[in-house]
Amino acid sequence: MLTNHKTVTILPDSPLDQVLKAAEASGEPVVIDTGDDRYAIRVTRLEANGEPFAGYDPEKAVAGLRALGDALAGVDREALLHNLREQHEQRGRGRPTHSTMEQHYVAVASS
């Protein structure tokens, strides 16, 4: 069930309604350009009860995950994992870097 979501009401058969219906049918995202930023939004029609996963098919989900392996064919696995680790170690919102954590543990062990 969706909680704390925002609803934007648009007119039926308006240009935006037509764009959303086309995006839903094609599976392609809609790109929203605010002038400052661009956002890609995937369109999913909510079931009558408002539950987006009411039609969830676990077999299709598993098939999609298996197909993901094909999408990464030819990718250097070790290089990808190395890059992901490096990105993870970069300072994020309030998250210490790996080296900051090491400094903390060395300081605690030394005291």
N, C-alpha and C. Protein backbone atom coordinates (compact mmCIF):
# COMPACT_ATOMS: atom_id res chain seq x y z
N MET A 1 0.84 -1.18 0.00
CA MET A 1 0.00 0.00 0.00
C MET A 1 0.88 1.24 0.00
N LEU A 2 0.52 2.21 -0.80
CA LEU A 2 1.26 3.47 -0.84
C LEU A 2 0.90 4.32 0.35
N THR A 3 1.91 4.88 0.98
CA THR A 3 1.67 5.81 2.08
C THR A 3 2.49 7.06 1.83
N ASN A 4 1.99 8.18 2.31
CA ASN A 4 2.70 9.46 2.18
C ASN A 4 3.05 9.80 0.74
N HIS A 5 2.15 9.54 -0.18
CA HIS A 5 2.42 9.88 -1.58
C HIS A 5 1.68 11.15 -1.96
N LYS A 6 2.19 11.79 -2.97
CA LYS A 6 1.59 13.02 -3.49
C LYS A 6 0.76 12.67 -4.72
N THR A 7 -0.41 13.25 -4.84
CA THR A 7 -1.25 13.05 -6.01
C THR A 7 -1.35 14.34 -6.78
N VAL A 8 -1.09 14.27 -8.08
CA VAL A 8 -1.24 15.40 -8.98
C VAL A 8 -2.42 15.07 -9.89
N THR A 9 -3.43 15.90 -9.89
CA THR A 9 -4.62 15.66 -10.70
C THR A 9 -4.48 16.37 -12.04
N ILE A 10 -4.71 15.62 -13.11
CA ILE A 10 -4.67 16.19 -14.46
C ILE A 10 -5.99 15.89 -15.15
N LEU A 11 -6.28 16.64 -16.19
CA LEU A 11 -7.53 16.46 -16.92
C LEU A 11 -7.45 15.23 -17.83
N PRO A 12 -8.53 14.44 -17.88
CA PRO A 12 -8.55 13.30 -18.80
C PRO A 12 -8.39 13.79 -20.24
N ASP A 13 -7.68 13.02 -21.03
CA ASP A 13 -7.45 13.31 -22.45
C ASP A 13 -6.65 14.59 -22.69
N SER A 14 -6.02 15.13 -21.65
CA SER A 14 -5.15 16.29 -21.82
C SER A 14 -3.83 15.80 -22.43
N PRO A 15 -3.01 16.72 -22.94
CA PRO A 15 -1.71 16.29 -23.49
C PRO A 15 -0.88 15.49 -22.47
N LEU A 16 -0.89 15.91 -21.22
CA LEU A 16 -0.12 15.17 -20.21
C LEU A 16 -0.71 13.78 -19.99
N ASP A 17 -2.02 13.65 -19.97
CA ASP A 17 -2.67 12.35 -19.83
C ASP A 17 -2.26 11.44 -20.97
N GLN A 18 -2.20 11.99 -22.18
CA GLN A 18 -1.81 11.18 -23.35
C GLN A 18 -0.35 10.74 -23.25
N VAL A 19 0.52 11.62 -22.75
CA VAL A 19 1.94 11.27 -22.57
C VAL A 19 2.07 10.14 -21.55
N LEU A 20 1.34 10.23 -20.44
CA LEU A 20 1.41 9.19 -19.41
C LEU A 20 0.90 7.86 -19.92
N LYS A 21 -0.20 7.87 -20.66
CA LYS A 21 -0.74 6.62 -21.21
C LYS A 21 0.22 5.99 -22.21
N ALA A 22 0.85 6.81 -23.03
CA ALA A 22 1.83 6.30 -23.99
C ALA A 22 3.04 5.72 -23.27
N ALA A 23 3.48 6.38 -22.21
CA ALA A 23 4.64 5.90 -21.44
C ALA A 23 4.31 4.58 -20.76
N GLU A 24 3.10 4.47 -20.24
CA GLU A 24 2.70 3.22 -19.60
C GLU A 24 2.69 2.08 -20.62
N ALA A 25 2.13 2.35 -21.79
CA ALA A 25 2.03 1.32 -22.82
C ALA A 25 3.40 0.89 -23.33
N SER A 26 4.33 1.85 -23.47
CA SER A 26 5.65 1.53 -24.03
C SER A 26 6.63 1.02 -22.99
N GLY A 27 6.39 1.37 -21.72
CA GLY A 27 7.35 1.01 -20.68
C GLY A 27 8.52 1.97 -20.59
N GLU A 28 8.55 2.96 -21.45
CA GLU A 28 9.62 3.96 -21.44
C GLU A 28 9.32 5.03 -20.40
N PRO A 29 10.35 5.59 -19.78
CA PRO A 29 10.11 6.64 -18.78
C PRO A 29 9.71 7.96 -19.42
N VAL A 30 9.06 8.78 -18.65
CA VAL A 30 8.75 10.15 -19.04
C VAL A 30 9.84 11.02 -18.45
N VAL A 31 10.42 11.90 -19.25
CA VAL A 31 11.46 12.80 -18.74
C VAL A 31 10.80 14.13 -18.42
N ILE A 32 10.95 14.55 -17.17
CA ILE A 32 10.42 15.83 -16.70
C ILE A 32 11.59 16.81 -16.64
N ASP A 33 11.48 17.92 -17.33
CA ASP A 33 12.53 18.93 -17.36
C ASP A 33 12.01 20.18 -16.65
N THR A 34 12.59 20.50 -15.49
CA THR A 34 12.16 21.66 -14.71
C THR A 34 12.90 22.93 -15.11
N GLY A 35 13.87 22.79 -15.98
CA GLY A 35 14.72 23.92 -16.32
C GLY A 35 15.99 23.91 -15.48
N ASP A 36 15.89 23.42 -14.24
CA ASP A 36 17.05 23.28 -13.35
C ASP A 36 17.57 21.85 -13.36
N ASP A 37 16.65 20.89 -13.40
CA ASP A 37 17.00 19.47 -13.34
C ASP A 37 16.10 18.69 -14.29
N ARG A 38 16.53 17.45 -14.56
CA ARG A 38 15.71 16.54 -15.37
C ARG A 38 15.47 15.28 -14.56
N TYR A 39 14.27 14.75 -14.63
CA TYR A 39 13.88 13.56 -13.87
C TYR A 39 13.27 12.55 -14.83
N ALA A 40 13.61 11.29 -14.67
CA ALA A 40 13.00 10.21 -15.44
C ALA A 40 12.01 9.51 -14.52
N ILE A 41 10.77 9.42 -14.96
CA ILE A 41 9.71 8.83 -14.13
C ILE A 41 9.08 7.68 -14.90
N ARG A 42 9.05 6.51 -14.30
CA ARG A 42 8.37 5.36 -14.90
C ARG A 42 6.91 5.41 -14.49
N VAL A 43 6.05 5.15 -15.44
CA VAL A 43 4.61 5.25 -15.21
C VAL A 43 4.04 3.86 -14.95
N THR A 44 3.38 3.72 -13.81
CA THR A 44 2.71 2.48 -13.45
C THR A 44 1.29 2.80 -13.03
N ARG A 45 0.34 2.18 -13.67
CA ARG A 45 -1.06 2.43 -13.32
C ARG A 45 -1.36 1.72 -12.00
N LEU A 46 -1.96 2.45 -11.08
CA LEU A 46 -2.36 1.87 -9.81
C LEU A 46 -3.64 1.07 -10.00
N GLU A 47 -3.74 -0.03 -9.30
CA GLU A 47 -4.98 -0.79 -9.31
C GLU A 47 -6.05 0.03 -8.62
N ALA A 48 -7.28 -0.38 -8.76
CA ALA A 48 -8.40 0.37 -8.17
C ALA A 48 -8.22 0.59 -6.67
N ASN A 49 -7.57 -0.34 -6.00
CA ASN A 49 -7.37 -0.20 -4.56
C ASN A 49 -6.13 0.61 -4.21
N GLY A 50 -5.42 1.13 -5.24
CA GLY A 50 -4.25 1.95 -5.00
C GLY A 50 -2.98 1.17 -4.73
N GLU A 51 -3.02 -0.14 -4.88
CA GLU A 51 -1.86 -0.99 -4.60
C GLU A 51 -1.09 -1.27 -5.89
N PRO A 52 0.13 -0.71 -6.05
CA PRO A 52 0.86 -0.89 -7.31
C PRO A 52 1.34 -2.32 -7.53
N PHE A 53 1.40 -3.15 -6.50
CA PHE A 53 1.90 -4.51 -6.65
C PHE A 53 0.78 -5.54 -6.68
N ALA A 54 -0.45 -5.09 -6.87
CA ALA A 54 -1.58 -6.02 -6.88
C ALA A 54 -1.43 -7.05 -8.00
N GLY A 55 -0.85 -6.66 -9.12
CA GLY A 55 -0.67 -7.58 -10.24
C GLY A 55 0.73 -8.17 -10.30
N TYR A 56 1.46 -8.14 -9.20
CA TYR A 56 2.85 -8.62 -9.16
C TYR A 56 2.92 -10.09 -9.53
N ASP A 57 3.83 -10.41 -10.43
CA ASP A 57 4.04 -11.79 -10.87
C ASP A 57 5.47 -12.18 -10.53
N PRO A 58 5.66 -13.00 -9.48
CA PRO A 58 7.03 -13.34 -9.07
C PRO A 58 7.82 -14.07 -10.15
N GLU A 59 7.17 -14.83 -10.99
CA GLU A 59 7.89 -15.53 -12.06
C GLU A 59 8.46 -14.54 -13.06
N LYS A 60 7.71 -13.49 -13.38
CA LYS A 60 8.22 -12.45 -14.28
C LYS A 60 9.37 -11.70 -13.63
N ALA A 61 9.28 -11.48 -12.32
CA ALA A 61 10.35 -10.79 -11.61
C ALA A 61 11.64 -11.62 -11.66
N VAL A 62 11.54 -12.92 -11.44
CA VAL A 62 12.71 -13.79 -11.48
C VAL A 62 13.28 -13.82 -12.90
N ALA A 63 12.40 -13.88 -13.91
CA ALA A 63 12.87 -13.87 -15.30
C ALA A 63 13.61 -12.57 -15.60
N GLY A 64 13.12 -11.46 -15.08
CA GLY A 64 13.78 -10.18 -15.28
C GLY A 64 15.15 -10.14 -14.63
N LEU A 65 15.26 -10.70 -13.44
CA LEU A 65 16.55 -10.75 -12.76
C LEU A 65 17.53 -11.63 -13.51
N ARG A 66 17.04 -12.74 -14.04
CA ARG A 66 17.93 -13.62 -14.82
C ARG A 66 18.41 -12.91 -16.09
N ALA A 67 17.54 -12.13 -16.71
CA ALA A 67 17.91 -11.39 -17.92
C ALA A 67 18.94 -10.31 -17.62
N LEU A 68 18.98 -9.85 -16.37
CA LEU A 68 19.95 -8.83 -15.98
C LEU A 68 21.37 -9.33 -16.20
N GLY A 69 21.59 -10.62 -16.00
CA GLY A 69 22.92 -11.18 -16.23
C GLY A 69 23.37 -10.95 -17.66
N ASP A 70 22.44 -11.06 -18.60
CA ASP A 70 22.77 -10.81 -20.00
C ASP A 70 23.13 -9.35 -20.22
N ALA A 71 22.50 -8.46 -19.48
CA ALA A 71 22.77 -7.02 -19.63
C ALA A 71 24.20 -6.69 -19.21
N LEU A 72 24.77 -7.49 -18.31
CA LEU A 72 26.12 -7.24 -17.82
C LEU A 72 27.17 -8.11 -18.52
N ALA A 73 26.76 -8.81 -19.56
CA ALA A 73 27.71 -9.65 -20.31
C ALA A 73 28.83 -8.77 -20.86
N GLY A 74 30.05 -9.23 -20.69
CA GLY A 74 31.19 -8.48 -21.19
C GLY A 74 31.72 -7.43 -20.23
N VAL A 75 31.05 -7.26 -19.09
CA VAL A 75 31.50 -6.28 -18.10
C VAL A 75 32.54 -6.95 -17.21
N ASP A 76 33.63 -6.25 -16.95
CA ASP A 76 34.67 -6.76 -16.06
C ASP A 76 34.13 -6.71 -14.64
N ARG A 77 33.78 -7.88 -14.10
CA ARG A 77 33.15 -7.97 -12.79
C ARG A 77 34.00 -7.35 -11.69
N GLU A 78 35.29 -7.66 -11.69
CA GLU A 78 36.18 -7.13 -10.64
C GLU A 78 36.28 -5.61 -10.72
N ALA A 79 36.38 -5.08 -11.93
CA ALA A 79 36.45 -3.62 -12.08
C ALA A 79 35.15 -2.97 -11.61
N LEU A 80 34.02 -3.58 -11.94
CA LEU A 80 32.73 -3.06 -11.50
C LEU A 80 32.64 -3.05 -9.98
N LEU A 81 32.99 -4.16 -9.35
CA LEU A 81 32.95 -4.23 -7.89
C LEU A 81 33.91 -3.23 -7.26
N HIS A 82 35.09 -3.06 -7.85
CA HIS A 82 36.06 -2.09 -7.34
C HIS A 82 35.47 -0.68 -7.40
N ASN A 83 34.86 -0.33 -8.53
CA ASN A 83 34.24 0.99 -8.68
C ASN A 83 33.10 1.19 -7.68
N LEU A 84 32.31 0.17 -7.48
CA LEU A 84 31.21 0.28 -6.51
C LEU A 84 31.75 0.49 -5.10
N ARG A 85 32.83 -0.24 -4.75
CA ARG A 85 33.43 -0.05 -3.42
C ARG A 85 33.96 1.37 -3.27
N GLU A 86 34.63 1.88 -4.31
CA GLU A 86 35.16 3.25 -4.24
C GLU A 86 34.03 4.26 -4.05
N GLN A 87 32.95 4.09 -4.77
CA GLN A 87 31.82 5.00 -4.64
C GLN A 87 31.20 4.90 -3.25
N HIS A 88 31.14 3.70 -2.73
CA HIS A 88 30.57 3.49 -1.39
C HIS A 88 31.41 4.19 -0.32
N GLU A 89 32.72 4.23 -0.55
CA GLU A 89 33.61 4.84 0.44
C GLU A 89 33.60 6.36 0.40
N GLN A 90 33.03 6.94 -0.64
CA GLN A 90 32.99 8.40 -0.72
C GLN A 90 32.02 8.93 0.32
N ARG A 91 32.36 10.09 0.84
CA ARG A 91 31.52 10.69 1.87
C ARG A 91 30.13 10.96 1.32
N GLY A 92 29.15 10.51 2.05
CA GLY A 92 27.75 10.75 1.71
C GLY A 92 27.10 11.52 2.83
N ARG A 93 25.84 11.70 2.76
CA ARG A 93 25.10 12.45 3.78
C ARG A 93 25.31 11.83 5.15
N GLY A 94 26.25 12.38 5.89
CA GLY A 94 26.48 11.93 7.26
C GLY A 94 27.15 10.58 7.38
N ARG A 95 27.47 9.95 6.25
CA ARG A 95 28.10 8.63 6.29
C ARG A 95 29.61 8.82 6.23
N PRO A 96 30.34 8.31 7.20
CA PRO A 96 31.80 8.49 7.19
C PRO A 96 32.43 7.68 6.07
N THR A 97 33.57 8.15 5.61
CA THR A 97 34.32 7.39 4.60
C THR A 97 35.01 6.24 5.31
N HIS A 98 35.50 5.29 4.51
CA HIS A 98 36.19 4.14 5.06
C HIS A 98 37.43 4.59 5.85
N SER A 99 38.18 5.56 5.31
CA SER A 99 39.39 6.01 5.99
C SER A 99 39.05 6.73 7.30
N THR A 100 37.94 7.46 7.35
CA THR A 100 37.51 8.13 8.58
C THR A 100 37.20 7.09 9.64
N MET A 101 36.55 6.00 9.23
CA MET A 101 36.22 4.94 10.19
C MET A 101 37.50 4.29 10.71
N GLU A 102 38.48 4.07 9.81
CA GLU A 102 39.75 3.48 10.24
C GLU A 102 40.45 4.39 11.25
N GLN A 103 40.47 5.70 10.99
CA GLN A 103 41.08 6.65 11.91
C GLN A 103 40.39 6.60 13.28
N HIS A 104 39.07 6.47 13.28
CA HIS A 104 38.32 6.39 14.53
C HIS A 104 38.73 5.14 15.31
N TYR A 105 38.79 3.99 14.63
CA TYR A 105 39.13 2.76 15.32
C TYR A 105 40.56 2.78 15.83
N VAL A 106 41.48 3.39 15.05
CA VAL A 106 42.88 3.50 15.52
C VAL A 106 42.95 4.40 16.74
N ALA A 107 42.20 5.50 16.74
CA ALA A 107 42.20 6.42 17.88
C ALA A 107 41.62 5.75 19.13
N VAL A 108 40.56 4.97 18.96
CA VAL A 108 39.93 4.28 20.09
C VAL A 108 40.88 3.22 20.63
N ALA A 109 41.52 2.48 19.73
CA ALA A 109 42.44 1.43 20.17
C ALA A 109 43.67 2.00 20.85
N SER A 110 44.09 3.21 20.45
CA SER A 110 45.29 3.83 21.02
C SER A 110 45.03 4.43 22.39
N SER A 111 43.77 4.75 22.70
CA SER A 111 43.50 5.43 23.98
C SER A 111 43.27 4.48 25.12
